[in-house]
Amino acid sequence: MLKSIHTRHNDVFLAMLRSSREAQRLRQSDLAIRLGRDQATISKVERGERRLDVIELLAWLRALDVDFSAFMSELNNRLEGLPIPDAMFRARRVARSRRRDPS
């Protein structure tokens, strides 16, 4: 099954995260210190191996002095025109139906 973390949409998001850090001329280890995390966590997020929830994203952007609303608006602009991968939703429906059907 296609996992939502491995989509063109997520690639765009991750590229924006990386470029936001690089625009501040920060290394992953510098951002890690600002966030109170280790460098490996930053690396995993930027490589798409670990997801951020919205609260973590807010903290990440604040650590980079990036406005959350502006970031999301730019993300929306970059994603516009890309088809939404319906496999993401299909996978979720299948998982939900399996939880309901214990057989």
N, C-alpha and C. Protein backbone atom coordinates (compact mmCIF):
# COMPACT_ATOMS: atom_id res chain seq x y z
N MET A 1 0.83 -1.20 0.00
CA MET A 1 0.00 0.00 0.00
C MET A 1 0.87 1.25 0.00
N LEU A 2 0.40 2.25 -0.69
CA LEU A 2 1.07 3.54 -0.68
C LEU A 2 0.83 4.21 0.67
N LYS A 3 1.90 4.62 1.32
CA LYS A 3 1.75 5.34 2.57
C LYS A 3 1.81 6.83 2.27
N SER A 4 1.02 7.59 3.00
CA SER A 4 0.90 9.02 2.70
C SER A 4 2.22 9.76 2.86
N ILE A 5 3.14 9.21 3.63
CA ILE A 5 4.41 9.89 3.83
C ILE A 5 5.26 9.87 2.56
N HIS A 6 4.99 8.94 1.65
CA HIS A 6 5.78 8.80 0.43
C HIS A 6 4.98 9.28 -0.78
N THR A 7 4.71 10.56 -0.82
CA THR A 7 3.97 11.14 -1.93
C THR A 7 4.70 12.37 -2.43
N ARG A 8 4.34 12.79 -3.61
CA ARG A 8 4.90 14.03 -4.16
C ARG A 8 4.55 15.21 -3.25
N HIS A 9 3.36 15.17 -2.67
CA HIS A 9 2.95 16.23 -1.75
C HIS A 9 3.92 16.34 -0.58
N ASN A 10 4.26 15.20 -0.01
CA ASN A 10 5.16 15.20 1.13
C ASN A 10 6.57 15.62 0.71
N ASP A 11 6.98 15.26 -0.49
CA ASP A 11 8.29 15.70 -0.99
C ASP A 11 8.36 17.22 -1.05
N VAL A 12 7.29 17.85 -1.49
CA VAL A 12 7.24 19.31 -1.55
C VAL A 12 7.34 19.90 -0.14
N PHE A 13 6.57 19.33 0.78
CA PHE A 13 6.58 19.77 2.18
C PHE A 13 7.99 19.65 2.77
N LEU A 14 8.62 18.51 2.58
CA LEU A 14 9.95 18.28 3.14
C LEU A 14 10.99 19.22 2.53
N ALA A 15 10.87 19.47 1.25
CA ALA A 15 11.79 20.41 0.60
C ALA A 15 11.64 21.80 1.20
N MET A 16 10.41 22.18 1.51
CA MET A 16 10.18 23.48 2.13
C MET A 16 10.78 23.53 3.54
N LEU A 17 10.65 22.44 4.29
CA LEU A 17 11.25 22.41 5.63
C LEU A 17 12.77 22.58 5.53
N ARG A 18 13.38 21.81 4.65
CA ARG A 18 14.84 21.89 4.48
C ARG A 18 15.28 23.29 4.04
N SER A 19 14.58 23.82 3.05
CA SER A 19 15.00 25.14 2.55
C SER A 19 14.78 26.23 3.60
N SER A 20 13.78 26.07 4.45
CA SER A 20 13.57 27.05 5.54
C SER A 20 14.75 27.02 6.51
N ARG A 21 15.23 25.83 6.81
CA ARG A 21 16.40 25.70 7.69
C ARG A 21 17.64 26.26 7.01
N GLU A 22 17.84 25.88 5.77
CA GLU A 22 19.03 26.32 5.04
C GLU A 22 19.03 27.83 4.81
N ALA A 23 17.86 28.43 4.66
CA ALA A 23 17.77 29.89 4.48
C ALA A 23 18.28 30.63 5.71
N GLN A 24 18.18 29.98 6.87
CA GLN A 24 18.69 30.56 8.11
C GLN A 24 20.17 30.22 8.32
N ARG A 25 20.74 29.50 7.36
CA ARG A 25 22.13 29.04 7.44
C ARG A 25 22.39 28.20 8.68
N LEU A 26 21.41 27.34 8.98
CA LEU A 26 21.53 26.46 10.13
C LEU A 26 21.82 25.03 9.68
N ARG A 27 22.65 24.36 10.45
CA ARG A 27 22.85 22.93 10.25
C ARG A 27 21.72 22.20 10.99
N GLN A 28 21.56 20.94 10.68
CA GLN A 28 20.56 20.15 11.38
C GLN A 28 20.82 20.17 12.88
N SER A 29 22.07 20.10 13.26
CA SER A 29 22.41 20.10 14.68
C SER A 29 22.04 21.42 15.36
N ASP A 30 22.14 22.53 14.62
CA ASP A 30 21.75 23.83 15.17
C ASP A 30 20.25 23.87 15.45
N LEU A 31 19.47 23.38 14.48
CA LEU A 31 18.02 23.34 14.67
C LEU A 31 17.66 22.39 15.80
N ALA A 32 18.35 21.28 15.89
CA ALA A 32 18.09 20.31 16.95
C ALA A 32 18.26 20.96 18.32
N ILE A 33 19.30 21.75 18.48
CA ILE A 33 19.53 22.44 19.75
C ILE A 33 18.37 23.39 20.05
N ARG A 34 17.95 24.14 19.05
CA ARG A 34 16.83 25.08 19.24
C ARG A 34 15.54 24.36 19.65
N LEU A 35 15.37 23.14 19.14
CA LEU A 35 14.14 22.38 19.42
C LEU A 35 14.28 21.46 20.63
N GLY A 36 15.47 21.33 21.16
CA GLY A 36 15.68 20.41 22.27
C GLY A 36 15.59 18.95 21.83
N ARG A 37 15.99 18.70 20.61
CA ARG A 37 15.97 17.34 20.03
C ARG A 37 17.39 16.98 19.63
N ASP A 38 17.56 15.76 19.15
CA ASP A 38 18.87 15.39 18.62
C ASP A 38 18.88 15.56 17.10
N GLN A 39 20.07 15.63 16.56
CA GLN A 39 20.23 15.85 15.12
C GLN A 39 19.60 14.73 14.32
N ALA A 40 19.63 13.51 14.83
CA ALA A 40 19.05 12.36 14.11
C ALA A 40 17.56 12.56 13.87
N THR A 41 16.87 13.17 14.81
CA THR A 41 15.43 13.43 14.64
C THR A 41 15.20 14.40 13.49
N ILE A 42 16.01 15.45 13.44
CA ILE A 42 15.88 16.43 12.37
C ILE A 42 16.13 15.75 11.02
N SER A 43 17.15 14.93 10.97
CA SER A 43 17.48 14.21 9.75
C SER A 43 16.35 13.29 9.31
N LYS A 44 15.78 12.56 10.26
CA LYS A 44 14.68 11.64 9.93
C LYS A 44 13.47 12.40 9.38
N VAL A 45 13.17 13.53 9.97
CA VAL A 45 12.05 14.34 9.47
C VAL A 45 12.34 14.82 8.05
N GLU A 46 13.51 15.37 7.85
CA GLU A 46 13.85 15.93 6.54
C GLU A 46 13.96 14.86 5.45
N ARG A 47 14.26 13.63 5.83
CA ARG A 47 14.31 12.52 4.86
C ARG A 47 12.96 11.84 4.68
N GLY A 48 11.97 12.23 5.47
CA GLY A 48 10.65 11.64 5.34
C GLY A 48 10.49 10.34 6.10
N GLU A 49 11.39 10.06 7.02
CA GLU A 49 11.29 8.83 7.82
C GLU A 49 10.47 9.03 9.08
N ARG A 50 10.26 10.27 9.45
CA ARG A 50 9.45 10.60 10.63
C ARG A 50 8.56 11.77 10.28
N ARG A 51 7.31 11.67 10.68
CA ARG A 51 6.36 12.75 10.41
C ARG A 51 6.33 13.74 11.57
N LEU A 52 5.89 14.94 11.25
CA LEU A 52 5.63 15.95 12.27
C LEU A 52 4.13 16.12 12.42
N ASP A 53 3.66 16.24 13.66
CA ASP A 53 2.27 16.63 13.81
C ASP A 53 2.22 18.16 13.75
N VAL A 54 1.05 18.72 13.76
CA VAL A 54 0.91 20.16 13.55
C VAL A 54 1.56 20.97 14.67
N ILE A 55 1.53 20.47 15.90
CA ILE A 55 2.15 21.18 17.02
C ILE A 55 3.68 21.16 16.87
N GLU A 56 4.21 20.02 16.45
CA GLU A 56 5.66 19.93 16.20
C GLU A 56 6.07 20.84 15.05
N LEU A 57 5.24 20.90 14.02
CA LEU A 57 5.52 21.78 12.88
C LEU A 57 5.55 23.23 13.34
N LEU A 58 4.61 23.62 14.17
CA LEU A 58 4.58 24.99 14.69
C LEU A 58 5.87 25.30 15.44
N ALA A 59 6.30 24.39 16.31
CA ALA A 59 7.55 24.60 17.06
C ALA A 59 8.75 24.66 16.11
N TRP A 60 8.76 23.79 15.12
CA TRP A 60 9.84 23.74 14.13
C TRP A 60 9.96 25.09 13.41
N LEU A 61 8.82 25.59 12.94
CA LEU A 61 8.82 26.85 12.21
C LEU A 61 9.18 28.03 13.10
N ARG A 62 8.70 28.01 14.33
CA ARG A 62 9.06 29.09 15.27
C ARG A 62 10.56 29.09 15.53
N ALA A 63 11.15 27.89 15.64
CA ALA A 63 12.60 27.80 15.85
C ALA A 63 13.37 28.38 14.68
N LEU A 64 12.75 28.38 13.51
CA LEU A 64 13.37 28.94 12.31
C LEU A 64 12.92 30.38 12.04
N ASP A 65 12.08 30.91 12.93
CA ASP A 65 11.52 32.26 12.76
C ASP A 65 10.75 32.37 11.44
N VAL A 66 9.98 31.32 11.14
CA VAL A 66 9.14 31.28 9.94
C VAL A 66 7.69 31.35 10.38
N ASP A 67 6.93 32.23 9.77
CA ASP A 67 5.52 32.38 10.10
C ASP A 67 4.74 31.15 9.62
N PHE A 68 4.01 30.54 10.55
CA PHE A 68 3.25 29.32 10.25
C PHE A 68 2.26 29.54 9.11
N SER A 69 1.49 30.61 9.19
CA SER A 69 0.48 30.88 8.16
C SER A 69 1.11 31.11 6.79
N ALA A 70 2.20 31.83 6.76
CA ALA A 70 2.89 32.08 5.48
C ALA A 70 3.44 30.77 4.92
N PHE A 71 3.98 29.93 5.78
CA PHE A 71 4.51 28.63 5.34
C PHE A 71 3.39 27.78 4.75
N MET A 72 2.26 27.72 5.44
CA MET A 72 1.15 26.89 4.97
C MET A 72 0.56 27.45 3.67
N SER A 73 0.51 28.77 3.56
CA SER A 73 0.01 29.38 2.32
C SER A 73 0.92 29.04 1.15
N GLU A 74 2.23 29.12 1.38
CA GLU A 74 3.19 28.77 0.32
C GLU A 74 3.10 27.29 -0.02
N LEU A 75 2.93 26.45 0.98
CA LEU A 75 2.76 25.01 0.74
C LEU A 75 1.53 24.77 -0.11
N ASN A 76 0.44 25.42 0.24
CA ASN A 76 -0.79 25.29 -0.53
C ASN A 76 -0.59 25.71 -1.99
N ASN A 77 0.11 26.82 -2.19
CA ASN A 77 0.39 27.30 -3.55
C ASN A 77 1.21 26.28 -4.34
N ARG A 78 2.19 25.69 -3.69
CA ARG A 78 3.05 24.72 -4.39
C ARG A 78 2.33 23.41 -4.68
N LEU A 79 1.38 23.06 -3.82
CA LEU A 79 0.65 21.81 -4.01
C LEU A 79 -0.51 21.95 -4.99
N GLU A 80 -0.92 23.19 -5.23
CA GLU A 80 -2.04 23.42 -6.14
C GLU A 80 -1.72 22.83 -7.50
N GLY A 81 -2.66 22.10 -8.02
CA GLY A 81 -2.47 21.48 -9.32
C GLY A 81 -1.97 20.05 -9.25
N LEU A 82 -1.38 19.67 -8.11
CA LEU A 82 -0.97 18.27 -7.96
C LEU A 82 -2.21 17.46 -7.60
N PRO A 83 -2.41 16.33 -8.25
CA PRO A 83 -3.57 15.51 -7.89
C PRO A 83 -3.40 14.93 -6.49
N ILE A 84 -4.50 14.90 -5.76
CA ILE A 84 -4.47 14.29 -4.43
C ILE A 84 -4.44 12.78 -4.61
N PRO A 85 -3.43 12.12 -4.08
CA PRO A 85 -3.32 10.68 -4.28
C PRO A 85 -4.43 9.94 -3.53
N ASP A 86 -5.40 9.42 -4.26
CA ASP A 86 -6.52 8.76 -3.59
C ASP A 86 -6.09 7.48 -2.90
N ALA A 87 -4.92 6.97 -3.21
CA ALA A 87 -4.43 5.78 -2.52
C ALA A 87 -4.27 6.04 -1.03
N MET A 88 -4.00 7.29 -0.65
CA MET A 88 -3.89 7.62 0.78
C MET A 88 -5.22 7.34 1.47
N PHE A 89 -6.29 7.73 0.83
CA PHE A 89 -7.60 7.58 1.43
C PHE A 89 -8.08 6.14 1.35
N ARG A 90 -7.74 5.46 0.26
CA ARG A 90 -8.09 4.05 0.12
C ARG A 90 -7.43 3.23 1.22
N ALA A 91 -6.17 3.50 1.49
CA ALA A 91 -5.44 2.75 2.52
C ALA A 91 -6.09 2.95 3.88
N ARG A 92 -6.53 4.15 4.16
CA ARG A 92 -7.18 4.42 5.45
C ARG A 92 -8.52 3.70 5.54
N ARG A 93 -9.28 3.70 4.44
CA ARG A 93 -10.57 3.01 4.46
C ARG A 93 -10.38 1.51 4.68
N VAL A 94 -9.39 0.93 4.03
CA VAL A 94 -9.12 -0.50 4.20
C VAL A 94 -8.73 -0.79 5.63
N ALA A 95 -7.87 0.02 6.21
CA ALA A 95 -7.44 -0.18 7.59
C ALA A 95 -8.62 -0.09 8.55
N ARG A 96 -9.50 0.89 8.33
CA ARG A 96 -10.68 1.03 9.20
C ARG A 96 -11.60 -0.17 9.06
N SER A 97 -11.81 -0.64 7.83
CA SER A 97 -12.72 -1.77 7.64
C SER A 97 -12.14 -3.04 8.25
N ARG A 98 -10.83 -3.18 8.25
CA ARG A 98 -10.21 -4.35 8.88
C ARG A 98 -10.38 -4.32 10.39
N ARG A 99 -10.34 -3.13 10.97
CA ARG A 99 -10.54 -3.03 12.42
C ARG A 99 -11.97 -3.41 12.79
N ARG A 100 -12.92 -3.08 11.93
CA ARG A 100 -14.32 -3.40 12.21
C ARG A 100 -14.64 -4.87 11.98
N ASP A 101 -13.93 -5.50 11.04
CA ASP A 101 -14.21 -6.89 10.68
C ASP A 101 -13.10 -7.77 11.25
N PRO A 102 -13.32 -8.37 12.43
CA PRO A 102 -12.26 -9.13 13.10
C PRO A 102 -11.93 -10.48 12.44
N SER A 103 -12.59 -10.86 11.35
CA SER A 103 -12.35 -12.17 10.75
C SER A 103 -11.10 -12.28 9.97
